[in-house]
Amino acid sequence: MILRLEHIYKDYIQGKMTVPVLKDVCLNVDKGEYVAIMGPSGSGKSTLMNIIGCLDRPTSGSYELTGRNVLSLNERQLADVRLHNIGFVFQNFQLLPRMTALDNVALPLIYAGVRKRARRAKAKEALIRVGLEERITFKPTQLSGGQKQRVAIARAMVNKPDILLADEPTGALDSKSSVQVMELFQKLNDEGVTVIMITHDSGIAGYAKRVVTIFDGELAEQKGEAGQ
């Protein structure tokens, strides 16, 4: 078991009102799984992603990641978890526009204290892994949407995290690029990478091997495998 959420609740305070967003969420993910969390806008899936990604804390419940009690960690320790244990892929890529693909991918290695020669070699290896060996010196403005997302995936993987956490990874892409990016996720999962993907799109969720739906802050397992 790589991830275990038990009885997670998340409330927000709006004025004098308490607004429940997540309600008794339980989720286990094994190492090497490919799980899609699917739900409409306002279902609580972004809040759940932020808790899984150690960007937010639940109001109550327990969260274990690679055997560690996440909720007992301080902010510095959580930053270390985000750096080494979780690779993030966002809908809008979050690339730095003035930096090359290589330098964008190398960024997490700087924070990890890797020396310049080693981090450039690791970043190049990550870009080759996602099929962008000929775009290493290109800046984001010179890349298509699909290529930008592949750079973002390379950056997410460069520290060899335990989990690849993707938030609407095809939301800003055309249909052809979406298929290419989803095939890349499938390839990474086949190589043993644990993937957790947040999406509102049932077609995209269908690439995962397990689909969990969220509605009004509550999870429900979708029966059967969804893999294509």
C-alpha atoms as a PDB file:
ATOM      1  CA  MET A   1       0.000   0.000   0.000  1.00  0.00           C
ATOM      2  CA  ILE A   2       1.531   3.291  -1.094  1.00  0.00           C
ATOM      3  CA  LEU A   3      -1.313   5.614  -0.072  1.00  0.00           C
ATOM      4  CA  ARG A   4      -4.082   5.276   2.501  1.00  0.00           C
ATOM      5  CA  LEU A   5      -6.768   7.874   3.214  1.00  0.00           C
ATOM      6  CA  GLU A   6      -9.186   7.003   6.021  1.00  0.00           C
ATOM      7  CA  HIS A   7     -12.327   8.921   7.004  1.00  0.00           C
ATOM      8  CA  ILE A   8     -11.185  12.204   5.488  1.00  0.00           C
ATOM      9  CA  TYR A   9     -13.411  15.206   6.092  1.00  0.00           C
ATOM     10  CA  LYS A  10     -12.716  18.714   4.835  1.00  0.00           C
ATOM     11  CA  ASP A  11     -14.800  21.717   5.841  1.00  0.00           C
ATOM     12  CA  TYR A  12     -14.420  25.362   4.910  1.00  0.00           C
ATOM     13  CA  ILE A  13     -15.693  28.279   6.944  1.00  0.00           C
ATOM     14  CA  GLN A  14     -17.638  30.904   5.014  1.00  0.00           C
ATOM     15  CA  GLY A  15     -18.684  33.684   7.339  1.00  0.00           C
ATOM     16  CA  LYS A  16     -20.609  31.954  10.120  1.00  0.00           C
ATOM     17  CA  MET A  17     -21.321  28.869   8.024  1.00  0.00           C
ATOM     18  CA  THR A  18     -19.400  25.599   7.892  1.00  0.00           C
ATOM     19  CA  VAL A  19     -19.360  24.205   4.347  1.00  0.00           C
ATOM     20  CA  PRO A  20     -18.539  20.485   4.081  1.00  0.00           C
ATOM     21  CA  VAL A  21     -16.509  19.637   0.961  1.00  0.00           C
ATOM     22  CA  LEU A  22     -15.223  16.103   1.612  1.00  0.00           C
ATOM     23  CA  LYS A  23     -17.315  13.639   3.614  1.00  0.00           C
ATOM     24  CA  ASP A  24     -15.835  10.446   5.061  1.00  0.00           C
ATOM     25  CA  VAL A  25     -13.494   9.799   2.119  1.00  0.00           C
ATOM     26  CA  CYS A  26     -11.577   6.505   2.239  1.00  0.00           C
ATOM     27  CA  LEU A  27      -9.110   5.576  -0.515  1.00  0.00           C
ATOM     28  CA  ASN A  28      -6.301   3.024  -0.743  1.00  0.00           C
ATOM     29  CA  VAL A  29      -3.835   2.952  -3.629  1.00  0.00           C
ATOM     30  CA  ASP A  30      -1.291   0.177  -4.144  1.00  0.00           C
ATOM     31  CA  LYS A  31       2.166   0.702  -5.607  1.00  0.00           C
ATOM     32  CA  GLY A  32       2.015   0.555  -9.410  1.00  0.00           C
ATOM     33  CA  GLU A  33      -1.716   1.280  -9.654  1.00  0.00           C
ATOM     34  CA  TYR A  34      -3.271   3.660 -12.175  1.00  0.00           C
ATOM     35  CA  VAL A  35      -6.298   5.307 -10.571  1.00  0.00           C
ATOM     36  CA  ALA A  36      -8.592   7.978 -11.986  1.00  0.00           C
ATOM     37  CA  ILE A  37     -10.665  10.111  -9.617  1.00  0.00           C
ATOM     38  CA  MET A  38     -13.544  11.384 -11.724  1.00  0.00           C
ATOM     39  CA  GLY A  39     -16.169  13.955 -10.864  1.00  0.00           C
ATOM     40  CA  PRO A  40     -17.905  17.096 -12.103  1.00  0.00           C
ATOM     41  CA  SER A  41     -16.952  20.647 -11.195  1.00  0.00           C
ATOM     42  CA  GLY A  42     -17.695  21.309  -7.529  1.00  0.00           C
ATOM     43  CA  SER A  43     -17.598  17.634  -6.571  1.00  0.00           C
ATOM     44  CA  GLY A  44     -14.597  18.029  -4.257  1.00  0.00           C
ATOM     45  CA  LYS A  45     -12.011  16.411  -6.535  1.00  0.00           C
ATOM     46  CA  SER A  46      -9.634  19.417  -6.496  1.00  0.00           C
ATOM     47  CA  THR A  47      -9.785  19.557  -2.700  1.00  0.00           C
ATOM     48  CA  LEU A  48      -9.040  15.834  -2.580  1.00  0.00           C
ATOM     49  CA  MET A  49      -6.112  16.310  -4.970  1.00  0.00           C
ATOM     50  CA  ASN A  50      -4.696  19.071  -2.766  1.00  0.00           C
ATOM     51  CA  ILE A  51      -4.862  16.791   0.274  1.00  0.00           C
ATOM     52  CA  ILE A  52      -3.244  13.862  -1.585  1.00  0.00           C
ATOM     53  CA  GLY A  53      -0.563  16.258  -2.867  1.00  0.00           C
ATOM     54  CA  CYS A  54       0.153  17.595   0.648  1.00  0.00           C
ATOM     55  CA  LEU A  55      -0.920  21.077  -0.436  1.00  0.00           C
ATOM     56  CA  ASP A  56      -3.770  21.167   2.087  1.00  0.00           C
ATOM     57  CA  ARG A  57      -4.736  19.395   5.290  1.00  0.00           C
ATOM     58  CA  PRO A  58      -8.061  17.709   6.031  1.00  0.00           C
ATOM     59  CA  THR A  59     -10.286  18.845   8.868  1.00  0.00           C
ATOM     60  CA  SER A  60     -10.164  15.302  10.253  1.00  0.00           C
ATOM     61  CA  GLY A  61      -9.153  11.792   9.250  1.00  0.00           C
ATOM     62  CA  SER A  62      -5.836  10.047   8.605  1.00  0.00           C
ATOM     63  CA  TYR A  63      -3.430  10.015   5.658  1.00  0.00           C
ATOM     64  CA  GLU A  64      -0.472   7.664   5.217  1.00  0.00           C
ATOM     65  CA  LEU A  65       1.919   7.970   2.282  1.00  0.00           C
ATOM     66  CA  THR A  66       4.638   5.326   1.885  1.00  0.00           C
ATOM     67  CA  GLY A  67       3.998   4.343   5.492  1.00  0.00           C
ATOM     68  CA  ARG A  68       4.394   7.859   6.932  1.00  0.00           C
ATOM     69  CA  ASN A  69       1.711   9.700   8.848  1.00  0.00           C
ATOM     70  CA  VAL A  70       1.423  12.772   6.623  1.00  0.00           C
ATOM     71  CA  LEU A  71      -0.736  14.733   9.047  1.00  0.00           C
ATOM     72  CA  SER A  72       1.984  14.632  11.718  1.00  0.00           C
ATOM     73  CA  LEU A  73       4.520  16.387   9.467  1.00  0.00           C
ATOM     74  CA  ASN A  74       5.446  20.065   9.723  1.00  0.00           C
ATOM     75  CA  GLU A  75       5.537  22.425   6.728  1.00  0.00           C
ATOM     76  CA  ARG A  76       9.215  21.786   5.997  1.00  0.00           C
ATOM     77  CA  GLN A  77       8.694  18.032   6.061  1.00  0.00           C
ATOM     78  CA  LEU A  78       5.632  18.376   3.804  1.00  0.00           C
ATOM     79  CA  ALA A  79       7.691  20.381   1.310  1.00  0.00           C
ATOM     80  CA  ASP A  80      10.209  17.527   1.320  1.00  0.00           C
ATOM     81  CA  VAL A  81       7.403  15.026   0.612  1.00  0.00           C
ATOM     82  CA  ARG A  82       6.189  17.161  -2.300  1.00  0.00           C
ATOM     83  CA  LEU A  83       9.716  17.345  -3.681  1.00  0.00           C
ATOM     84  CA  HIS A  84      10.680  13.675  -3.409  1.00  0.00           C
ATOM     85  CA  ASN A  85       7.513  11.581  -3.141  1.00  0.00           C
ATOM     86  CA  ILE A  86       4.972  13.277  -5.423  1.00  0.00           C
ATOM     87  CA  GLY A  87       5.354  14.435  -9.018  1.00  0.00           C
ATOM     88  CA  PHE A  88       2.752  17.017 -10.056  1.00  0.00           C
ATOM     89  CA  VAL A  89       1.292  17.468 -13.549  1.00  0.00           C
ATOM     90  CA  PHE A  90      -1.074  20.419 -13.949  1.00  0.00           C
ATOM     91  CA  GLN A  91      -3.656  21.319 -16.582  1.00  0.00           C
ATOM     92  CA  ASN A  92      -1.819  24.500 -17.584  1.00  0.00           C
ATOM     93  CA  PHE A  93       1.701  23.001 -17.528  1.00  0.00           C
ATOM     94  CA  GLN A  94       3.218  25.558 -15.080  1.00  0.00           C
ATOM     95  CA  LEU A  95       6.408  25.900 -17.141  1.00  0.00           C
ATOM     96  CA  LEU A  96       8.685  28.927 -16.774  1.00  0.00           C
ATOM     97  CA  PRO A  97       8.497  30.741 -20.147  1.00  0.00           C
ATOM     98  CA  ARG A  98      12.076  32.040 -20.269  1.00  0.00           C
ATOM     99  CA  MET A  99      13.682  28.697 -19.529  1.00  0.00           C
ATOM    100  CA  THR A 100      14.409  25.883 -21.968  1.00  0.00           C
ATOM    101  CA  ALA A 101      12.703  22.508 -21.704  1.00  0.00           C
ATOM    102  CA  LEU A 102      15.887  21.117 -20.149  1.00  0.00           C
ATOM    103  CA  ASP A 103      16.074  23.854 -17.503  1.00  0.00           C
ATOM    104  CA  ASN A 104      12.372  23.533 -16.676  1.00  0.00           C
ATOM    105  CA  VAL A 105      12.781  19.801 -16.095  1.00  0.00           C
ATOM    106  CA  ALA A 106      15.926  20.368 -14.011  1.00  0.00           C
ATOM    107  CA  LEU A 107      14.188  22.727 -11.554  1.00  0.00           C
ATOM    108  CA  PRO A 108      13.176  20.102  -8.951  1.00  0.00           C
ATOM    109  CA  LEU A 109      16.744  18.800  -8.979  1.00  0.00           C
ATOM    110  CA  ILE A 110      18.031  22.239  -7.990  1.00  0.00           C
ATOM    111  CA  TYR A 111      15.771  22.174  -4.918  1.00  0.00           C
ATOM    112  CA  ALA A 112      16.940  18.627  -4.229  1.00  0.00           C
ATOM    113  CA  GLY A 113      20.563  19.843  -4.148  1.00  0.00           C
ATOM    114  CA  VAL A 114      21.758  17.899  -7.215  1.00  0.00           C
ATOM    115  CA  ARG A 115      24.923  19.304  -8.814  1.00  0.00           C
ATOM    116  CA  LYS A 116      24.649  21.060 -12.178  1.00  0.00           C
ATOM    117  CA  ARG A 117      26.250  18.398 -14.392  1.00  0.00           C
ATOM    118  CA  ALA A 118      24.240  15.590 -12.785  1.00  0.00           C
ATOM    119  CA  ARG A 119      20.941  17.450 -12.905  1.00  0.00           C
ATOM    120  CA  ARG A 120      21.376  18.338 -16.583  1.00  0.00           C
ATOM    121  CA  ALA A 121      22.082  14.689 -17.346  1.00  0.00           C
ATOM    122  CA  LYS A 122      19.016  13.559 -15.364  1.00  0.00           C
ATOM    123  CA  ALA A 123      16.819  16.218 -17.008  1.00  0.00           C
ATOM    124  CA  LYS A 124      17.993  15.148 -20.463  1.00  0.00           C
ATOM    125  CA  GLU A 125      17.266  11.522 -19.625  1.00  0.00           C
ATOM    126  CA  ALA A 126      13.745  12.484 -18.487  1.00  0.00           C
ATOM    127  CA  LEU A 127      13.075  14.388 -21.719  1.00  0.00           C
ATOM    128  CA  ILE A 128      14.295  11.437 -23.787  1.00  0.00           C
ATOM    129  CA  ARG A 129      11.913   9.227 -21.794  1.00  0.00           C
ATOM    130  CA  VAL A 130       8.935  11.357 -22.917  1.00  0.00           C
ATOM    131  CA  GLY A 131      10.135  11.541 -26.535  1.00  0.00           C
ATOM    132  CA  LEU A 132      11.422  15.127 -26.573  1.00  0.00           C
ATOM    133  CA  GLU A 133      15.131  14.582 -27.119  1.00  0.00           C
ATOM    134  CA  GLU A 134      15.016  16.953 -30.110  1.00  0.00           C
ATOM    135  CA  ARG A 135      13.282  19.739 -28.148  1.00  0.00           C
ATOM    136  CA  ILE A 136      15.713  20.030 -25.240  1.00  0.00           C
ATOM    137  CA  THR A 137      16.793  23.605 -26.028  1.00  0.00           C
ATOM    138  CA  PHE A 138      13.301  24.835 -26.970  1.00  0.00           C
ATOM    139  CA  LYS A 139      11.422  27.295 -24.748  1.00  0.00           C
ATOM    140  CA  PRO A 140       7.717  26.795 -23.963  1.00  0.00           C
ATOM    141  CA  THR A 141       6.633  29.353 -26.607  1.00  0.00           C
ATOM    142  CA  GLN A 142       8.295  27.136 -29.239  1.00  0.00           C
ATOM    143  CA  LEU A 143       6.398  24.010 -28.159  1.00  0.00           C
ATOM    144  CA  SER A 144       2.895  22.723 -28.887  1.00  0.00           C
ATOM    145  CA  GLY A 145       0.458  22.109 -26.039  1.00  0.00           C
ATOM    146  CA  GLY A 146       1.132  18.392 -26.093  1.00  0.00           C
ATOM    147  CA  GLN A 147       4.893  18.962 -26.032  1.00  0.00           C
ATOM    148  CA  LYS A 148       4.548  21.367 -23.095  1.00  0.00           C
ATOM    149  CA  GLN A 149       2.626  18.731 -21.163  1.00  0.00           C
ATOM    150  CA  ARG A 150       5.295  16.140 -21.929  1.00  0.00           C
ATOM    151  CA  VAL A 151       7.920  18.548 -20.580  1.00  0.00           C
ATOM    152  CA  ALA A 152       5.764  18.924 -17.467  1.00  0.00           C
ATOM    153  CA  ILE A 153       5.544  15.128 -17.128  1.00  0.00           C
ATOM    154  CA  ALA A 154       9.324  14.832 -17.497  1.00  0.00           C
ATOM    155  CA  ARG A 155       9.736  17.455 -14.760  1.00  0.00           C
ATOM    156  CA  ALA A 156       7.296  15.576 -12.523  1.00  0.00           C
ATOM    157  CA  MET A 157       9.228  12.322 -12.998  1.00  0.00           C
ATOM    158  CA  VAL A 158      12.795  13.605 -12.783  1.00  0.00           C
ATOM    159  CA  ASN A 159      13.103  13.065  -9.008  1.00  0.00           C
ATOM    160  CA  LYS A 160      11.676   9.538  -9.382  1.00  0.00           C
ATOM    161  CA  PRO A 161       8.680  10.177  -7.086  1.00  0.00           C
ATOM    162  CA  ASP A 162       6.499   7.444  -5.585  1.00  0.00           C
ATOM    163  CA  ILE A 163       3.336   8.905  -7.146  1.00  0.00           C
ATOM    164  CA  LEU A 164       2.591  10.860 -10.322  1.00  0.00           C
ATOM    165  CA  LEU A 165      -0.377  13.108  -9.476  1.00  0.00           C
ATOM    166  CA  ALA A 166      -2.067  14.612 -12.537  1.00  0.00           C
ATOM    167  CA  ASP A 167      -4.776  17.280 -12.336  1.00  0.00           C
ATOM    168  CA  GLU A 168      -6.887  17.432 -15.531  1.00  0.00           C
ATOM    169  CA  PRO A 169      -3.724  16.682 -17.593  1.00  0.00           C
ATOM    170  CA  THR A 170      -5.491  16.991 -20.974  1.00  0.00           C
ATOM    171  CA  GLY A 171      -7.729  19.929 -20.088  1.00  0.00           C
ATOM    172  CA  ALA A 172      -5.771  22.418 -22.229  1.00  0.00           C
ATOM    173  CA  LEU A 173      -5.019  20.029 -25.123  1.00  0.00           C
ATOM    174  CA  ASP A 174      -6.626  19.149 -28.450  1.00  0.00           C
ATOM    175  CA  SER A 175      -7.873  15.602 -28.976  1.00  0.00           C
ATOM    176  CA  LYS A 176      -4.743  14.335 -30.788  1.00  0.00           C
ATOM    177  CA  SER A 177      -2.384  15.715 -28.127  1.00  0.00           C
ATOM    178  CA  SER A 178      -4.665  14.339 -25.408  1.00  0.00           C
ATOM    179  CA  VAL A 179      -4.330  10.822 -26.817  1.00  0.00           C
ATOM    180  CA  GLN A 180      -0.522  11.161 -27.025  1.00  0.00           C
ATOM    181  CA  VAL A 181      -0.288  12.359 -23.416  1.00  0.00           C
ATOM    182  CA  MET A 182      -2.579   9.593 -22.165  1.00  0.00           C
ATOM    183  CA  GLU A 183      -0.514   7.001 -24.042  1.00  0.00           C
ATOM    184  CA  LEU A 184       2.536   8.380 -22.246  1.00  0.00           C
ATOM    185  CA  PHE A 185       0.837   7.980 -18.852  1.00  0.00           C
ATOM    186  CA  GLN A 186      -0.031   4.424 -19.837  1.00  0.00           C
ATOM    187  CA  LYS A 187       3.591   3.730 -20.788  1.00  0.00           C
ATOM    188  CA  LEU A 188       4.881   5.155 -17.496  1.00  0.00           C
ATOM    189  CA  ASN A 189       2.384   3.049 -15.564  1.00  0.00           C
ATOM    190  CA  ASP A 190       3.443  -0.041 -17.511  1.00  0.00           C
ATOM    191  CA  GLU A 191       6.990   0.737 -16.331  1.00  0.00           C
ATOM    192  CA  GLY A 192       5.788   0.664 -12.714  1.00  0.00           C
ATOM    193  CA  VAL A 193       4.931   4.314 -12.010  1.00  0.00           C
ATOM    194  CA  THR A 194       1.954   4.810  -9.684  1.00  0.00           C
ATOM    195  CA  VAL A 195      -0.451   7.270 -11.345  1.00  0.00           C
ATOM    196  CA  ILE A 196      -3.356   9.120  -9.717  1.00  0.00           C
ATOM    197  CA  MET A 197      -5.288  11.270 -12.169  1.00  0.00           C
ATOM    198  CA  ILE A 198      -8.017  13.807 -11.430  1.00  0.00           C
ATOM    199  CA  THR A 199     -10.469  14.370 -14.295  1.00  0.00           C
ATOM    200  CA  HIS A 200     -14.049  15.278 -15.170  1.00  0.00           C
ATOM    201  CA  ASP A 201     -13.820  13.442 -18.506  1.00  0.00           C
ATOM    202  CA  SER A 202     -15.025   9.821 -18.592  1.00  0.00           C
ATOM    203  CA  GLY A 203     -13.075   9.201 -21.819  1.00  0.00           C
ATOM    204  CA  ILE A 204      -9.827  10.251 -20.151  1.00  0.00           C
ATOM    205  CA  ALA A 205     -10.672   8.337 -16.965  1.00  0.00           C
ATOM    206  CA  GLY A 206     -11.101   5.265 -19.176  1.00  0.00           C
ATOM    207  CA  TYR A 207      -7.331   5.032 -19.627  1.00  0.00           C
ATOM    208  CA  ALA A 208      -6.912   4.222 -15.928  1.00  0.00           C
ATOM    209  CA  LYS A 209      -7.084   0.693 -14.566  1.00  0.00           C
ATOM    210  CA  ARG A 210      -9.382   1.751 -11.725  1.00  0.00           C
ATOM    211  CA  VAL A 211     -11.912   4.566 -11.648  1.00  0.00           C
ATOM    212  CA  VAL A 212     -13.214   6.158  -8.470  1.00  0.00           C
ATOM    213  CA  THR A 213     -16.037   8.675  -8.770  1.00  0.00           C
ATOM    214  CA  ILE A 214     -16.576  11.641  -6.467  1.00  0.00           C
ATOM    215  CA  PHE A 215     -19.858  13.482  -6.147  1.00  0.00           C
ATOM    216  CA  ASP A 216     -20.850  15.987  -3.460  1.00  0.00           C
ATOM    217  CA  GLY A 217     -17.651  15.146  -1.591  1.00  0.00           C
ATOM    218  CA  GLU A 218     -18.274  11.409  -1.357  1.00  0.00           C
ATOM    219  CA  LEU A 219     -16.303   8.643  -3.125  1.00  0.00           C
ATOM    220  CA  ALA A 220     -17.750   5.628  -4.873  1.00  0.00           C
ATOM    221  CA  GLU A 221     -15.757   2.846  -6.550  1.00  0.00           C
ATOM    222  CA  GLN A 222     -16.692   2.192 -10.162  1.00  0.00           C
ATOM    223  CA  LYS A 223     -17.147  -1.528 -10.693  1.00  0.00           C
ATOM    224  CA  GLY A 224     -14.820  -3.325 -13.070  1.00  0.00           C
ATOM    225  CA  GLU A 225     -11.669  -2.137 -14.763  1.00  0.00           C
ATOM    226  CA  ALA A 226     -11.729   0.882 -17.011  1.00  0.00           C
ATOM    227  CA  GLY A 227      -8.477   0.341 -18.872  1.00  0.00           C
ATOM    228  CA  GLN A 228      -8.575   0.686 -22.655  1.00  0.00           C
END
